[in-house]
Protein backbone atom coordinates (compact mmCIF):
# COMPACT_ATOMS: atom_id res chain seq x y z
CA MET A 1 27.10 -22.18 32.53
CA LYS A 2 27.00 -20.60 29.08
CA ALA A 3 24.57 -17.71 28.53
CA VAL A 4 23.99 -14.65 26.36
CA VAL A 5 24.38 -11.48 28.43
CA CYS A 6 22.99 -8.09 27.45
CA SER A 7 24.66 -4.91 28.71
CA GLU A 8 24.90 -1.40 27.27
CA GLY A 9 22.96 -2.56 24.23
CA LYS A 10 25.46 -5.30 23.38
CA LEU A 11 25.04 -9.08 23.43
CA GLU A 12 27.89 -11.38 24.38
CA VAL A 13 28.20 -15.06 25.12
CA ALA A 14 29.70 -15.53 28.57
CA ASP A 15 30.30 -18.14 31.24
CA ILE A 16 28.28 -17.16 34.30
CA PRO A 17 27.50 -18.98 37.56
CA ALA A 18 24.79 -21.60 37.20
CA PRO A 19 21.52 -20.46 38.81
CA ARG A 20 20.30 -22.08 42.02
CA PRO A 21 16.59 -22.56 42.72
CA GLY A 22 15.29 -20.74 45.78
CA ARG A 23 12.29 -21.60 47.90
CA GLY A 24 9.41 -22.84 45.77
CA GLN A 25 11.55 -22.76 42.64
CA VAL A 26 12.73 -25.31 40.07
CA LEU A 27 15.94 -25.47 38.06
CA VAL A 28 15.29 -26.24 34.39
CA ASN A 29 17.57 -27.14 31.49
CA VAL A 30 16.58 -24.89 28.58
CA LEU A 31 15.65 -26.80 25.44
CA ARG A 32 14.32 -23.88 23.38
CA CYS A 33 13.85 -20.16 23.95
CA GLY A 34 12.14 -17.74 21.61
CA ILE A 35 13.46 -14.30 20.75
CA CYS A 36 10.66 -11.84 21.44
CA GLY A 37 10.08 -8.34 20.09
CA SER A 38 10.23 -7.21 23.71
CA ASP A 39 13.81 -8.49 23.83
CA LEU A 40 14.68 -6.41 20.77
CA HIS A 41 13.16 -3.36 22.44
CA ALA A 42 14.79 -4.06 25.81
CA ARG A 43 18.23 -4.29 24.24
CA VAL A 44 18.13 -0.63 23.14
CA HIS A 45 15.24 0.95 25.07
CA CYS A 46 15.51 -0.73 28.48
CA ASP A 47 16.04 2.51 30.42
CA THR A 48 12.87 4.00 28.93
CA LEU A 49 11.02 0.77 29.63
CA ALA A 50 12.36 0.75 33.19
CA ASP A 51 11.09 4.30 33.74
CA LEU A 52 7.66 3.29 32.44
CA ALA A 53 7.64 0.18 34.61
CA ALA A 54 8.59 2.22 37.67
CA ALA A 55 5.74 4.64 36.96
CA THR A 56 3.32 1.68 37.03
CA GLY A 57 4.73 0.33 40.30
CA TYR A 58 7.38 -2.19 39.18
CA ASP A 59 10.93 -1.15 40.13
CA HIS A 60 13.07 -4.06 38.93
CA PHE A 61 13.02 -3.76 35.15
CA MET A 62 16.48 -4.11 33.61
CA ARG A 63 18.74 -1.09 33.11
CA SER A 64 21.33 -0.61 30.37
CA ASP A 65 24.26 -0.63 32.79
CA GLN A 66 23.28 -4.01 34.23
CA ARG A 67 24.27 -7.44 32.91
CA VAL A 68 21.07 -9.27 32.11
CA VAL A 69 20.29 -12.66 30.56
CA LEU A 70 17.29 -12.10 28.30
CA GLY A 71 14.67 -14.68 27.32
CA HIS A 72 11.14 -15.26 28.60
CA GLU A 73 9.68 -17.68 26.00
CA PHE A 74 11.14 -21.03 26.91
CA CYS A 75 10.61 -24.75 27.24
CA GLY A 76 12.91 -26.97 29.28
CA GLU A 77 13.22 -30.05 31.43
CA VAL A 78 13.23 -30.35 35.20
CA VAL A 79 16.65 -30.74 36.83
CA GLU A 80 16.18 -30.15 40.57
CA TYR A 81 13.98 -28.45 43.14
CA GLY A 82 14.63 -25.77 45.70
CA PRO A 83 13.36 -26.02 49.28
CA GLY A 84 9.64 -25.92 49.97
CA CYS A 85 8.60 -27.46 46.64
CA ARG A 86 5.94 -30.12 46.18
CA LYS A 87 8.17 -31.79 43.55
CA ARG A 88 5.29 -32.39 41.17
CA TRP A 89 7.38 -33.74 38.29
CA ARG A 90 10.23 -36.16 37.88
CA PRO A 91 13.61 -34.87 36.69
CA GLY A 92 13.64 -34.82 32.90
CA THR A 93 9.96 -33.84 32.62
CA ARG A 94 9.46 -31.21 29.97
CA VAL A 95 7.84 -28.04 31.27
CA VAL A 96 6.96 -24.46 30.38
CA ALA A 97 6.47 -21.66 32.89
CA LEU A 98 5.22 -18.14 33.23
CA PRO A 99 8.38 -16.01 33.13
CA ILE A 100 8.11 -14.60 36.62
CA LEU A 101 9.80 -15.35 39.94
CA ARG A 102 8.98 -14.15 43.43
CA ASP A 103 11.29 -13.58 46.37
CA GLY A 104 9.02 -12.96 49.34
CA ARG A 105 6.52 -10.42 47.97
CA GLU A 106 8.86 -9.07 45.27
CA PRO A 107 7.99 -10.29 41.75
CA GLN A 108 10.80 -10.40 39.19
CA LEU A 109 10.25 -10.61 35.44
CA THR A 110 12.34 -13.49 34.12
CA GLY A 111 14.62 -12.37 31.32
CA LEU A 112 13.81 -8.70 31.87
CA SER A 113 15.32 -8.24 35.31
CA ALA A 114 18.88 -8.56 36.56
CA ASN A 115 17.44 -10.51 39.50
CA ALA A 116 15.84 -13.19 37.29
CA PRO A 117 18.15 -14.41 34.48
CA GLY A 118 16.23 -15.65 31.46
CA GLY A 119 16.26 -18.42 28.91
CA TYR A 120 19.13 -17.29 26.65
CA ALA A 121 21.15 -19.78 28.65
CA GLU A 122 21.71 -23.43 29.34
CA GLN A 123 19.60 -23.29 32.49
CA VAL A 124 16.87 -21.10 33.97
CA VAL A 125 15.01 -20.98 37.29
CA VAL A 126 11.20 -21.02 37.33
CA GLN A 127 8.55 -20.81 40.04
CA GLU A 128 6.99 -24.23 40.71
CA ALA A 129 3.52 -22.73 41.18
CA MET A 130 3.76 -21.08 37.75
CA THR A 131 5.09 -24.16 35.93
CA PHE A 132 3.19 -26.65 33.75
CA ALA A 133 4.16 -30.04 32.36
CA VAL A 134 4.11 -30.18 28.56
CA PRO A 135 1.21 -32.49 27.58
CA ASN A 136 0.63 -34.87 24.65
CA GLY A 137 4.27 -35.03 23.61
CA LEU A 138 4.09 -31.48 22.24
CA ALA A 139 7.29 -30.64 20.35
CA VAL A 140 9.66 -28.37 22.26
CA ASP A 141 9.71 -25.85 19.39
CA HIS A 142 5.95 -25.42 19.72
CA ALA A 143 5.90 -25.58 23.52
CA ALA A 144 8.37 -22.69 23.66
CA LEU A 145 5.77 -20.53 21.90
CA THR A 146 3.25 -20.95 24.71
CA GLU A 147 4.19 -17.55 26.12
CA PRO A 148 3.77 -15.40 22.97
CA MET A 149 0.67 -17.36 21.95
CA ALA A 150 -0.78 -16.68 25.41
CA VAL A 151 -0.24 -12.95 24.81
CA ALA A 152 -2.28 -13.31 21.62
CA TRP A 153 -4.97 -15.38 23.34
CA HIS A 154 -5.32 -12.70 26.03
CA ALA A 155 -5.70 -10.04 23.32
CA VAL A 156 -8.33 -12.08 21.48
CA ARG A 157 -10.26 -12.58 24.70
CA LYS A 158 -9.93 -8.87 25.43
CA GLY A 159 -11.44 -8.19 22.02
CA ARG A 160 -14.51 -10.34 22.72
CA VAL A 161 -14.89 -11.12 19.04
CA GLY A 162 -18.13 -12.82 18.05
CA LYS A 163 -17.72 -15.71 15.60
CA GLY A 164 -19.79 -13.79 13.07
CA GLN A 165 -17.92 -10.54 13.48
CA THR A 166 -15.12 -9.46 11.18
CA ALA A 167 -11.72 -9.17 12.85
CA PHE A 168 -9.02 -6.98 11.35
CA VAL A 169 -5.37 -7.58 12.22
CA ILE A 170 -3.21 -4.58 11.34
CA GLY A 171 0.43 -5.68 11.27
CA CYS A 172 1.56 -9.26 10.72
CA GLY A 173 4.74 -9.48 12.74
CA PRO A 174 5.04 -12.33 15.26
CA ILE A 175 2.32 -11.00 17.56
CA GLY A 176 -0.03 -10.23 14.67
CA LEU A 177 0.50 -13.74 13.29
CA ALA A 178 -0.20 -15.19 16.73
CA VAL A 179 -3.40 -13.13 17.00
CA ILE A 180 -4.54 -14.43 13.60
CA SER A 181 -3.89 -18.01 14.72
CA MET A 182 -5.81 -17.52 17.95
CA LEU A 183 -8.74 -15.81 16.23
CA LYS A 184 -9.14 -18.81 13.95
CA ALA A 185 -8.76 -21.19 16.91
CA ALA A 186 -11.58 -19.25 18.58
CA GLY A 187 -13.81 -19.89 15.58
CA VAL A 188 -13.88 -16.36 14.14
CA LYS A 189 -15.06 -16.83 10.56
CA THR A 190 -13.65 -13.73 8.90
CA VAL A 191 -10.14 -12.46 9.63
CA VAL A 192 -8.67 -9.70 7.45
CA ALA A 193 -4.91 -9.20 7.80
CA SER A 194 -2.89 -6.24 6.57
CA ASP A 195 0.88 -5.78 6.20
CA PHE A 196 3.25 -4.09 3.76
CA SER A 197 5.65 -7.08 3.79
CA PRO A 198 5.02 -9.82 1.19
CA ARG A 199 6.70 -12.36 3.46
CA ARG A 200 4.49 -11.50 6.39
CA ARG A 201 1.39 -11.57 4.21
CA GLU A 202 2.40 -15.07 3.15
CA LEU A 203 2.76 -16.12 6.79
CA ALA A 204 -0.60 -14.51 7.63
CA THR A 205 -2.25 -16.73 5.02
CA ARG A 206 -0.54 -19.79 6.50
CA CYS A 207 -1.83 -18.77 9.94
CA GLY A 208 -5.40 -18.83 8.64
CA ALA A 209 -6.25 -15.25 7.62
CA ASP A 210 -9.22 -15.30 5.24
CA VAL A 211 -8.24 -12.10 3.43
CA VAL A 212 -4.71 -10.68 3.28
CA VAL A 213 -4.04 -7.24 1.83
CA ASP A 214 -1.14 -4.95 1.06
CA PRO A 215 -2.25 -1.61 2.56
CA GLY A 216 -0.06 0.14 0.01
CA THR A 217 -2.41 -0.92 -2.77
CA GLU A 218 -5.69 -1.88 -1.07
CA SER A 219 -7.63 -0.76 1.98
CA PRO A 220 -8.22 -3.54 4.51
CA TRP A 221 -11.52 -1.86 5.45
CA THR A 222 -13.06 -2.51 2.05
CA ALA A 223 -11.49 -5.94 1.57
CA ALA A 224 -13.72 -7.88 3.97
CA PRO A 225 -16.00 -10.33 2.12
CA ARG A 226 -18.82 -9.50 4.54
CA LYS A 227 -19.65 -5.83 4.32
CA GLY A 228 -20.81 -4.17 7.53
CA ARG A 229 -24.09 -2.29 7.62
CA VAL A 230 -22.47 0.71 9.27
CA LYS A 231 -19.74 2.46 7.29
CA GLY A 232 -20.06 6.00 8.62
CA VAL A 233 -21.82 8.18 11.17
CA THR A 234 -24.65 8.83 8.67
CA ASP A 235 -25.43 5.10 8.74
CA VAL A 236 -25.62 5.20 12.54
CA LEU A 237 -28.08 8.10 12.47
CA ASN A 238 -30.21 6.41 9.82
CA LEU A 239 -30.41 3.26 11.94
CA GLY A 240 -32.03 5.36 14.64
CA PHE A 241 -34.55 6.82 12.18
CA ASP A 242 -35.36 3.40 10.69
CA ALA A 243 -35.84 1.80 14.11
CA MET A 244 -38.15 4.55 15.35
CA GLU A 245 -40.25 4.54 12.19
CA ARG A 246 -40.85 0.80 12.54
CA LEU A 247 -41.58 0.94 16.25
CA ARG A 248 -43.98 3.88 15.93
CA ARG A 249 -46.08 1.90 13.48
CA VAL A 250 -47.20 -0.37 16.33
CA PRO A 251 -50.07 1.29 18.25
CA ASN A 252 -49.60 1.79 21.98
CA LEU A 253 -46.18 0.11 21.97
CA PRO A 254 -43.93 1.38 24.77
CA TRP A 255 -41.06 1.47 22.30
CA TRP A 256 -38.53 2.62 24.88
CA TYR A 257 -38.72 -0.83 26.50
CA VAL A 258 -37.41 -2.29 23.25
CA PHE A 259 -34.38 -0.03 23.53
CA ARG A 260 -33.92 -0.94 27.20
CA LEU A 261 -34.01 -4.64 26.35
CA ALA A 262 -31.48 -4.10 23.56
CA HIS A 263 -29.24 -2.25 26.02
CA THR A 264 -29.52 -5.06 28.57
CA LEU A 265 -28.71 -7.74 25.99
CA ASN A 266 -26.03 -5.59 24.32
CA ALA A 267 -27.90 -6.31 21.12
CA GLY A 268 -27.45 -3.02 19.31
CA PRO A 269 -25.44 -2.54 16.12
CA ALA A 270 -21.74 -3.27 16.47
CA GLY A 271 -18.72 -2.70 14.31
CA PRO A 272 -15.75 -5.01 13.72
CA VAL A 273 -12.92 -5.75 16.14
CA VAL A 274 -9.53 -4.37 15.15
CA PHE A 275 -6.21 -5.59 16.54
CA GLU A 276 -3.40 -3.04 16.28
CA CYS A 277 -0.21 -5.12 16.13
CA VAL A 278 2.24 -2.58 14.68
CA GLY A 279 3.33 -0.41 17.60
CA VAL A 280 4.60 2.67 15.75
CA PRO A 281 3.56 6.30 16.25
CA GLY A 282 0.50 7.34 14.27
CA ILE A 283 -1.01 3.92 13.73
CA ILE A 284 -3.69 4.28 16.43
CA ASP A 285 -4.91 7.55 14.93
CA GLN A 286 -4.91 6.00 11.44
CA ILE A 287 -7.08 3.16 12.69
CA LEU A 288 -9.47 5.46 14.56
CA THR A 289 -9.85 7.54 11.38
CA ALA A 290 -10.38 4.63 9.00
CA ALA A 291 -12.26 2.07 11.10
CA PRO A 292 -16.08 1.96 10.93
CA PRO A 293 -18.14 3.48 13.75
CA MET A 294 -18.70 1.35 16.85
CA ALA A 295 -15.56 -0.68 16.18
CA ARG A 296 -13.59 -2.11 19.07
CA VAL A 297 -9.84 -1.49 18.78
CA VAL A 298 -7.47 -3.64 20.81
CA VAL A 299 -3.94 -2.22 20.98
CA VAL A 300 -1.44 -5.08 21.20
CA GLY A 301 1.59 -3.50 19.51
CA VAL A 302 3.96 -1.78 21.94
CA CYS A 303 4.84 1.72 20.75
CA MET A 304 8.07 2.89 22.37
CA GLU A 305 7.60 6.56 21.53
CA THR A 306 5.16 9.25 22.57
CA ASP A 307 2.10 9.03 20.34
CA SER A 308 -1.04 11.10 19.77
CA PHE A 309 -4.52 10.60 18.40
CA ARG A 310 -7.69 12.66 18.10
CA PRO A 311 -10.11 11.73 20.90
CA ALA A 312 -12.95 13.52 19.08
CA MET A 313 -12.60 11.05 16.18
CA ALA A 314 -13.04 8.09 18.53
CA ILE A 315 -15.85 9.87 20.41
CA ASN A 316 -17.85 10.79 17.30
CA LYS A 317 -17.60 7.20 16.05
CA GLU A 318 -18.09 5.68 19.54
CA ILE A 319 -15.02 3.51 19.12
CA ASP A 320 -14.07 1.30 22.06
CA LEU A 321 -10.29 1.54 22.59
CA ARG A 322 -8.65 -1.17 24.69
CA PHE A 323 -5.05 -2.02 25.53
CA ALA A 324 -3.84 -5.60 26.03
CA PHE A 325 -0.69 -6.76 27.76
CA GLY A 326 0.40 -10.17 29.06
CA TYR A 327 -1.98 -12.90 30.24
CA ASP A 328 -3.04 -14.64 33.42
CA PRO A 329 -2.04 -18.18 34.54
CA GLY A 330 -5.33 -19.63 33.30
CA GLU A 331 -4.82 -18.19 29.82
CA PHE A 332 -1.24 -19.48 29.80
CA ARG A 333 -2.39 -23.00 30.73
CA ASP A 334 -5.23 -22.97 28.20
CA THR A 335 -2.85 -21.82 25.46
CA LEU A 336 -0.47 -24.68 26.23
CA HIS A 337 -3.31 -27.19 25.90
CA MET A 338 -4.62 -25.60 22.71
CA LEU A 339 -1.16 -26.11 21.23
CA ALA A 340 -0.89 -29.67 22.55
CA GLU A 341 -4.35 -30.62 21.28
CA GLY A 342 -3.69 -29.26 17.80
CA LYS A 343 -6.32 -26.52 18.02
CA VAL A 344 -3.73 -23.98 16.95
CA ASP A 345 -0.59 -24.49 14.88
CA PRO A 346 2.30 -22.13 15.69
CA SER A 347 4.68 -23.59 13.10
CA PRO A 348 4.26 -20.76 10.53
CA LEU A 349 5.75 -18.35 13.05
CA ILE A 350 9.00 -20.32 13.41
CA THR A 351 11.42 -19.27 10.69
CA GLY A 352 14.82 -20.15 12.14
CA THR A 353 16.87 -21.61 14.97
CA VAL A 354 20.31 -20.68 16.34
CA GLY A 355 22.56 -21.67 19.20
CA LEU A 356 23.73 -19.23 21.85
CA ASP A 357 26.61 -18.14 19.62
CA GLY A 358 24.12 -17.09 16.95
CA VAL A 359 21.87 -14.85 19.04
CA ASP A 360 23.50 -11.59 17.96
CA ASN A 361 23.09 -12.61 14.31
CA ALA A 362 19.49 -13.53 14.99
CA PHE A 363 18.75 -10.06 16.39
CA THR A 364 20.19 -8.56 13.20
CA ALA A 365 18.14 -10.89 11.01
CA LEU A 366 14.92 -10.05 12.84
CA ALA A 367 15.28 -6.42 11.77
CA ASN A 368 14.33 -7.49 8.23
CA PRO A 369 10.63 -8.49 8.01
CA GLU A 370 11.27 -10.29 4.74
CA GLN A 371 13.54 -12.82 6.43
CA HIS A 372 12.14 -13.92 9.76
CA ALA A 373 9.21 -13.87 12.17
CA LYS A 374 10.22 -15.95 15.20
CA ILE A 375 13.72 -17.30 15.76
CA LEU A 376 14.26 -19.92 18.46
CA ILE A 377 17.41 -20.49 20.48
CA ASP A 378 18.60 -24.06 21.05
CA PRO A 379 21.41 -23.85 23.63
CA ALA A 380 22.79 -27.18 22.41
CA SER A 381 22.96 -26.11 18.76
CA PRO A 382 26.21 -24.96 17.08
CA ALA A 383 24.25 -22.89 14.51
CA THR A 384 25.36 -19.28 14.28
CA VAL A 385 23.06 -18.20 11.42
CA PRO A 386 19.25 -18.61 11.58
């Protein structure tokens, strides 16, 4: 079959043996496959990523000297089953799947492992247990974005954003745009998005951001229409004074029980939730410095270099720092149905489509934020330019 193979940082279209489904696996004809930022990183930084993966306990991440078929955001149709399958769907049924296979007890990341060729190809193998039929006639372009939108949904859930809280999205590349879309789908009323790129700010507005700013000319922290009560540590200290003065006015009140109840209900003052979707050195420290006290920062952008920040800044402001990666099968399934039910519209993210012969050009185009956000691959398309 025809596929795009990555090796030594180069992409080439090649004829390779068609994959065969193993036990519990399904062979799928690829209809669409998204190009992910992780693919761009893996092309040039895969050895560093492999070392990181090995340090966390996964030993099969792709290496630069291997020949790997990238692609983990795909939608396709069922062709045939391997042994031991329940054969849940008829051939031709459109499906999406978590990009992960398992041989015995050895998981393999589809499209990021030499042992699990990905969706930059005419066919791909998926695990039946991790596969879902596409509901409601959802368009294949949108179904292919289930995977990146699930990453965003996981991050939003990790952020535990209240509908009345302000959410800040710093960086409006594909993952930032997806986070904006999912925040609005979750009912968050105020989303402030920030990016230097005019094109990405335009897409952020289309994804539902309530306020969009150019951080080169305006601070996102002062742009929110709803101003937080707490802007600095002085405000936090004054809240304590104000609360105690009020409570002490009530004779014989065991005021400490009020604090205990507030602790139990998590009802104390809270800052906004900030989603870091840039992934470059220095951005975490910038956010910790500028964000209001008691903010929750969810790091979604993947920084490929060693970074540093000042822990004392986060400590003094009691900032909650969280890191989000991936999703679970339930989040993946829920994302698919949110797309199919029209609760979230991924179309602003899609800015181009190419065939397999155009993948190298697509990688080049994605380096310019003014051109593209998400480019899809259609293996049947002759297009060489997105």
